[in-house]
Amino acid sequence: ELDVSAELEGADASYYQSLIGILRWIVELGRIDICLEVSMMSSHLALPREGHMQHVLQIFSYLKQRHNAELVFDPSDPDIDEEQFQRRDWTSSEFGHLGGKEDLPSNMPQPRGLGFAMRAKVDADHAGDTVTRRSRTGFIVYLNSAPIYWMAKKQTGVESSSFGSEFTAMKQCCEYLRGLRYKLRMMGIPCEGPAYIYGDNQSVLANTTIPDSTLKKKSQSIAYHFVREGVAKDEWRTAYVNTHENEADLLTKLLPSGEKRNGFVANILHHVFESAACAA
């Protein structure tokens, strides 16, 4: 972000842009472990520099060492502690008129087949961009035990607190889940029960799960009411997960190579470290 090396010109700039395109496709194919790094390098497409090119080449070097990775679409049922996701009585809240029921498409086909459990893990890096001080959102969505969607993206505005950035990240994740649930239902796939969302910010979780909580910061009112409305409808439920067990942390900040990062990557990608061990 603060790179002051020489700007790339002509063919070199075009080459940089083509490399970013290749990396984006690799991320889409399942390499979640480089999603954040590719997102950060993509923000320099308009004015790439020599330092940015070196970072991109380092990503390819990492992929060369860790090339034997498999993203497994595991259909097995996840272990969800229902005690963490207890449903509360929202009748006395501002959403009491909703009746605790999710809005279903009126023209959706009759669902067929087996259902599934929808989960998501969410995180945010507050003011992580050292130039604009914008925060970064990261989340991973699972159907049963299979990761199906991942995102690392800078937020569109500057938040003055970690509470605001985490609430914005939660809202962005909930928006995606609402769209996903609609698409699955319109394809005739049964989507029963709420989505289970894990986050590591206690203040955000308290404000989303306690019906009588009040918002003290007006700037977060849209995200606050959007997420709470979904909880009141039982469209999704939220619970706490320790930051050391939240794989979404991999999508919000640059983690040094070590036990934490390697553990997150190994939880998502199979055999990713075996190729490096064989090469050594």
Protein backbone atom coordinates (compact mmCIF):
# COMPACT_ATOMS: atom_id res chain seq x y z
CA GLU A 1 0.00 0.00 0.00
CA LEU A 2 2.89 2.36 0.74
CA ASP A 3 5.13 1.09 -2.05
CA VAL A 4 7.23 3.88 -3.57
CA SER A 5 9.19 1.84 -6.11
CA ALA A 6 9.18 2.73 -9.81
CA GLU A 7 5.92 2.48 -11.70
CA LEU A 8 5.47 -0.29 -14.26
CA GLU A 9 4.94 0.90 -17.80
CA GLY A 10 3.55 -0.55 -21.00
CA ALA A 11 4.08 -4.27 -21.36
CA ASP A 12 5.12 -4.74 -17.74
CA ALA A 13 1.90 -3.17 -16.46
CA SER A 14 -0.16 -5.36 -18.80
CA TYR A 15 1.78 -8.40 -17.63
CA TYR A 16 1.02 -7.51 -14.01
CA GLN A 17 -2.68 -7.23 -14.82
CA SER A 18 -2.68 -10.60 -16.58
CA LEU A 19 -0.98 -12.22 -13.57
CA ILE A 20 -3.67 -10.80 -11.28
CA GLY A 21 -6.31 -12.25 -13.59
CA ILE A 22 -4.67 -15.67 -13.33
CA LEU A 23 -4.50 -15.44 -9.53
CA ARG A 24 -8.14 -14.40 -9.29
CA TRP A 25 -9.13 -17.47 -11.26
CA ILE A 26 -6.96 -19.65 -8.99
CA VAL A 27 -8.76 -18.21 -5.96
CA GLU A 28 -12.13 -18.96 -7.59
CA LEU A 29 -10.99 -22.55 -8.12
CA GLY A 30 -10.47 -22.98 -4.38
CA ARG A 31 -7.17 -21.52 -3.21
CA ILE A 32 -8.68 -19.70 -0.24
CA ASP A 33 -5.24 -19.37 1.34
CA ILE A 34 -4.23 -16.61 -1.12
CA CYS A 35 -7.61 -14.86 -1.35
CA LEU A 36 -6.55 -11.93 0.86
CA GLU A 37 -3.18 -11.42 -0.81
CA VAL A 38 -4.73 -11.43 -4.29
CA SER A 39 -7.40 -8.97 -3.13
CA MET A 40 -4.73 -6.60 -1.85
CA MET A 41 -2.67 -6.81 -5.03
CA SER A 42 -5.79 -6.32 -7.17
CA SER A 43 -6.24 -2.84 -5.73
CA HIS A 44 -3.12 -1.72 -7.62
CA LEU A 45 -4.21 -2.71 -11.12
CA ALA A 46 -4.52 0.90 -12.26
CA LEU A 47 -1.01 1.89 -11.15
CA PRO A 48 1.19 -1.15 -10.47
CA ARG A 49 4.75 -0.70 -9.27
CA GLU A 50 7.85 -2.88 -9.26
CA GLY A 51 7.30 -3.71 -5.60
CA HIS A 52 3.79 -4.93 -6.36
CA MET A 53 5.16 -7.16 -9.11
CA GLN A 54 7.61 -8.71 -6.66
CA HIS A 55 4.79 -9.48 -4.23
CA VAL A 56 2.76 -11.11 -7.02
CA LEU A 57 5.73 -13.27 -8.02
CA GLN A 58 6.11 -14.28 -4.37
CA ILE A 59 2.49 -15.51 -4.42
CA PHE A 60 3.30 -17.68 -7.44
CA SER A 61 6.39 -18.97 -5.62
CA TYR A 62 4.17 -19.91 -2.67
CA LEU A 63 1.78 -21.73 -5.01
CA LYS A 64 4.70 -23.62 -6.54
CA GLN A 65 5.72 -24.85 -3.10
CA ARG A 66 2.15 -25.56 -1.98
CA HIS A 67 0.71 -26.85 -5.26
CA ASN A 68 -0.71 -30.15 -4.00
CA ALA A 69 -3.86 -28.71 -2.41
CA GLU A 70 -7.36 -30.16 -2.50
CA LEU A 71 -10.59 -28.38 -1.62
CA VAL A 72 -12.88 -31.19 -0.48
CA PHE A 73 -16.64 -30.75 -0.72
CA ASP A 74 -17.48 -32.73 2.39
CA PRO A 75 -21.24 -33.53 2.56
CA SER A 76 -21.12 -34.79 6.15
CA ASP A 77 -23.21 -33.01 8.79
CA PRO A 78 -21.21 -30.49 10.84
CA ASP A 79 -21.09 -30.59 14.61
CA ILE A 80 -23.20 -27.58 15.65
CA ASP A 81 -23.73 -26.87 19.33
CA GLU A 82 -27.39 -25.82 19.47
CA GLU A 83 -26.84 -24.47 22.98
CA GLN A 84 -24.74 -21.69 21.44
CA PHE A 85 -27.53 -20.77 19.03
CA GLN A 86 -30.53 -20.63 21.32
CA ARG A 87 -33.57 -18.95 19.85
CA ARG A 88 -34.91 -15.99 21.83
CA ASP A 89 -38.33 -14.41 22.19
CA TRP A 90 -38.50 -11.27 20.02
CA THR A 91 -42.19 -10.45 20.58
CA SER A 92 -41.40 -7.47 22.82
CA SER A 93 -38.84 -6.01 20.40
CA GLU A 94 -39.28 -3.75 17.38
CA PHE A 95 -39.44 -6.93 15.27
CA GLY A 96 -42.22 -8.61 17.25
CA HIS A 97 -44.70 -8.14 14.39
CA LEU A 98 -42.65 -10.47 12.16
CA GLY A 99 -43.81 -13.51 14.07
CA GLY A 100 -40.40 -15.10 14.00
CA LYS A 101 -40.89 -16.38 10.47
CA GLU A 102 -38.59 -16.00 7.48
CA ASP A 103 -40.06 -14.51 4.29
CA LEU A 104 -40.28 -17.27 1.65
CA PRO A 105 -40.61 -16.66 -2.11
CA SER A 106 -44.25 -17.01 -3.10
CA ASN A 107 -43.38 -18.63 -6.43
CA MET A 108 -40.70 -21.06 -5.28
CA PRO A 109 -41.05 -24.67 -6.49
CA GLN A 110 -41.76 -27.59 -4.21
CA PRO A 111 -38.44 -28.48 -2.53
CA ARG A 112 -37.08 -31.97 -3.13
CA GLY A 113 -34.17 -33.94 -1.80
CA LEU A 114 -32.25 -33.72 1.44
CA GLY A 115 -31.62 -30.55 3.35
CA PHE A 116 -28.34 -29.24 4.73
CA ALA A 117 -26.82 -27.06 7.41
CA MET A 118 -25.68 -23.59 6.33
CA ARG A 119 -22.83 -22.01 8.30
CA ALA A 120 -20.60 -18.97 7.98
CA LYS A 121 -17.56 -17.60 9.77
CA VAL A 122 -17.08 -13.83 9.74
CA ASP A 123 -14.27 -11.49 10.68
CA ALA A 124 -13.08 -7.93 10.06
CA ASP A 125 -9.73 -6.16 10.30
CA HIS A 126 -10.42 -2.69 11.67
CA ALA A 127 -8.64 0.15 9.81
CA GLY A 128 -6.25 -2.34 8.24
CA ASP A 129 -5.58 -0.21 5.15
CA THR A 130 -2.75 2.09 6.19
CA VAL A 131 -3.53 4.61 3.42
CA THR A 132 -7.31 5.02 3.66
CA ARG A 133 -7.86 3.35 7.07
CA ARG A 134 -10.70 1.34 5.63
CA SER A 135 -11.44 -1.99 7.27
CA ARG A 136 -11.51 -5.32 5.50
CA THR A 137 -14.30 -7.89 5.55
CA GLY A 138 -13.68 -11.61 5.33
CA PHE A 139 -16.07 -14.52 5.53
CA ILE A 140 -16.42 -18.16 4.50
CA VAL A 141 -19.75 -19.89 3.85
CA TYR A 142 -20.23 -23.65 4.31
CA LEU A 143 -22.98 -26.02 3.22
CA ASN A 144 -22.70 -28.91 5.66
CA SER A 145 -18.91 -29.28 5.95
CA ALA A 146 -18.05 -27.99 2.48
CA PRO A 147 -16.77 -24.42 1.92
CA ILE A 148 -18.65 -23.01 -1.06
CA TYR A 149 -17.94 -19.26 -0.97
CA TRP A 150 -15.21 -17.03 0.41
CA MET A 151 -14.62 -13.31 0.23
CA ALA A 152 -11.95 -10.80 1.26
CA LYS A 153 -12.84 -7.22 0.43
CA LYS A 154 -12.21 -3.71 1.70
CA GLN A 155 -15.25 -2.00 3.16
CA THR A 156 -16.63 0.98 1.29
CA GLY A 157 -16.39 3.42 4.20
CA VAL A 158 -14.14 4.21 7.15
CA GLU A 159 -15.36 2.95 10.52
CA SER A 160 -14.29 4.70 13.70
CA SER A 161 -14.38 1.55 15.84
CA SER A 162 -13.85 -2.18 15.59
CA PHE A 163 -17.51 -2.56 16.59
CA GLY A 164 -18.55 -0.73 13.42
CA SER A 165 -16.24 -2.68 11.11
CA GLU A 166 -17.29 -6.03 12.61
CA PHE A 167 -20.98 -5.12 12.32
CA THR A 168 -20.50 -4.10 8.69
CA ALA A 169 -18.78 -7.42 8.00
CA MET A 170 -21.65 -9.26 9.66
CA LYS A 171 -24.15 -7.37 7.50
CA GLN A 172 -22.26 -8.17 4.30
CA CYS A 173 -22.19 -11.85 5.20
CA CYS A 174 -25.91 -11.86 6.01
CA GLU A 175 -26.70 -10.17 2.69
CA TYR A 176 -24.89 -12.95 0.85
CA LEU A 177 -26.64 -15.65 2.90
CA ARG A 178 -30.05 -14.16 2.16
CA GLY A 179 -29.35 -14.19 -1.57
CA LEU A 180 -27.95 -17.73 -1.42
CA ARG A 181 -30.96 -19.06 0.45
CA TYR A 182 -33.27 -17.47 -2.13
CA LYS A 183 -31.38 -19.02 -5.06
CA LEU A 184 -31.35 -22.48 -3.52
CA ARG A 185 -35.07 -22.35 -2.83
CA MET A 186 -35.84 -21.19 -6.35
CA MET A 187 -33.92 -24.22 -7.65
CA GLY A 188 -36.10 -26.53 -5.57
CA ILE A 189 -33.45 -27.29 -2.96
CA PRO A 190 -34.81 -27.51 0.60
CA CYS A 191 -33.39 -24.78 2.82
CA GLU A 192 -34.80 -25.38 6.26
CA GLY A 193 -33.64 -23.96 9.54
CA PRO A 194 -31.50 -20.89 10.11
CA ALA A 195 -27.96 -20.20 8.95
CA TYR A 196 -25.42 -20.42 11.76
CA ILE A 197 -22.99 -17.51 11.80
CA TYR A 198 -19.83 -17.49 13.90
CA GLY A 199 -18.07 -14.25 14.84
CA ASP A 200 -15.39 -13.26 17.34
CA ASN A 201 -16.63 -9.83 18.44
CA GLN A 202 -18.63 -10.15 21.66
CA SER A 203 -20.27 -6.71 21.39
CA VAL A 204 -21.64 -7.40 17.91
CA LEU A 205 -22.96 -10.80 18.95
CA ALA A 206 -24.66 -9.34 22.02
CA ASN A 207 -26.37 -6.68 19.93
CA THR A 208 -27.60 -9.23 17.38
CA THR A 209 -28.90 -11.87 19.78
CA ILE A 210 -30.40 -9.89 22.70
CA PRO A 211 -33.89 -8.63 21.72
CA ASP A 212 -33.86 -5.74 24.22
CA SER A 213 -30.46 -4.35 23.27
CA THR A 214 -30.28 -0.72 22.16
CA LEU A 215 -27.98 0.86 19.62
CA LYS A 216 -25.82 3.65 21.00
CA LYS A 217 -24.03 4.49 17.76
CA LYS A 218 -26.31 5.85 15.07
CA SER A 219 -23.73 5.38 12.31
CA GLN A 220 -24.13 1.58 12.49
CA SER A 221 -27.95 1.62 12.52
CA ILE A 222 -28.44 0.07 9.06
CA ALA A 223 -26.19 -2.92 9.71
CA TYR A 224 -27.60 -3.20 13.23
CA HIS A 225 -31.25 -3.44 12.18
CA PHE A 226 -30.56 -5.57 9.08
CA VAL A 227 -28.79 -8.29 11.05
CA ARG A 228 -31.22 -8.17 13.98
CA GLU A 229 -34.22 -8.44 11.67
CA GLY A 230 -32.81 -11.63 10.19
CA VAL A 231 -32.21 -13.06 13.66
CA ALA A 232 -35.78 -12.16 14.67
CA LYS A 233 -37.09 -14.01 11.60
CA ASP A 234 -34.86 -16.97 12.48
CA GLU A 235 -33.23 -16.53 9.09
CA TRP A 236 -29.85 -16.80 10.79
CA ARG A 237 -28.44 -17.05 14.30
CA THR A 238 -25.12 -15.84 15.62
CA ALA A 239 -22.68 -17.20 18.17
CA TYR A 240 -19.13 -16.64 19.39
CA VAL A 241 -16.08 -18.45 18.12
CA ASN A 242 -12.57 -17.92 19.47
CA THR A 243 -10.40 -15.90 17.10
CA HIS A 244 -7.90 -18.79 17.01
CA GLU A 245 -10.66 -21.03 15.62
CA ASN A 246 -12.07 -18.52 13.13
CA GLU A 247 -10.76 -19.35 9.65
CA ALA A 248 -12.19 -16.06 8.36
CA ASP A 249 -9.23 -14.38 10.09
CA LEU A 250 -7.20 -15.69 7.15
CA LEU A 251 -9.19 -13.37 4.85
CA THR A 252 -8.82 -10.12 6.79
CA LYS A 253 -5.19 -9.69 7.77
CA LEU A 254 -1.78 -10.95 6.68
CA LEU A 255 -0.89 -13.76 9.06
CA PRO A 256 2.78 -14.74 9.32
CA SER A 257 3.68 -18.27 8.39
CA GLY A 258 3.31 -20.31 11.55
CA GLU A 259 1.00 -22.44 13.62
CA LYS A 260 -2.06 -20.18 13.36
CA ARG A 261 -1.98 -19.59 9.61
CA ASN A 262 -0.97 -23.16 8.81
CA GLY A 263 -3.77 -24.46 11.03
CA PHE A 264 -6.38 -22.35 9.26
CA VAL A 265 -5.15 -23.41 5.82
CA ALA A 266 -5.01 -27.09 6.80
CA ASN A 267 -8.62 -26.88 8.05
CA ILE A 268 -9.76 -25.79 4.59
CA LEU A 269 -7.32 -27.34 2.10
CA HIS A 270 -6.21 -30.97 2.23
CA HIS A 271 -2.59 -32.09 1.57
CA VAL A 272 -1.48 -28.48 1.11
CA PHE A 273 1.69 -28.90 3.16
CA GLU A 274 2.63 -32.36 1.91
CA SER A 275 4.07 -31.10 -1.39
CA ALA A 276 6.47 -28.74 0.41
CA ALA A 277 7.58 -31.53 2.73
CA CYS A 278 8.26 -33.82 -0.23
CA ALA A 279 10.22 -31.08 -2.01
CA ALA A 280 12.36 -30.55 1.09
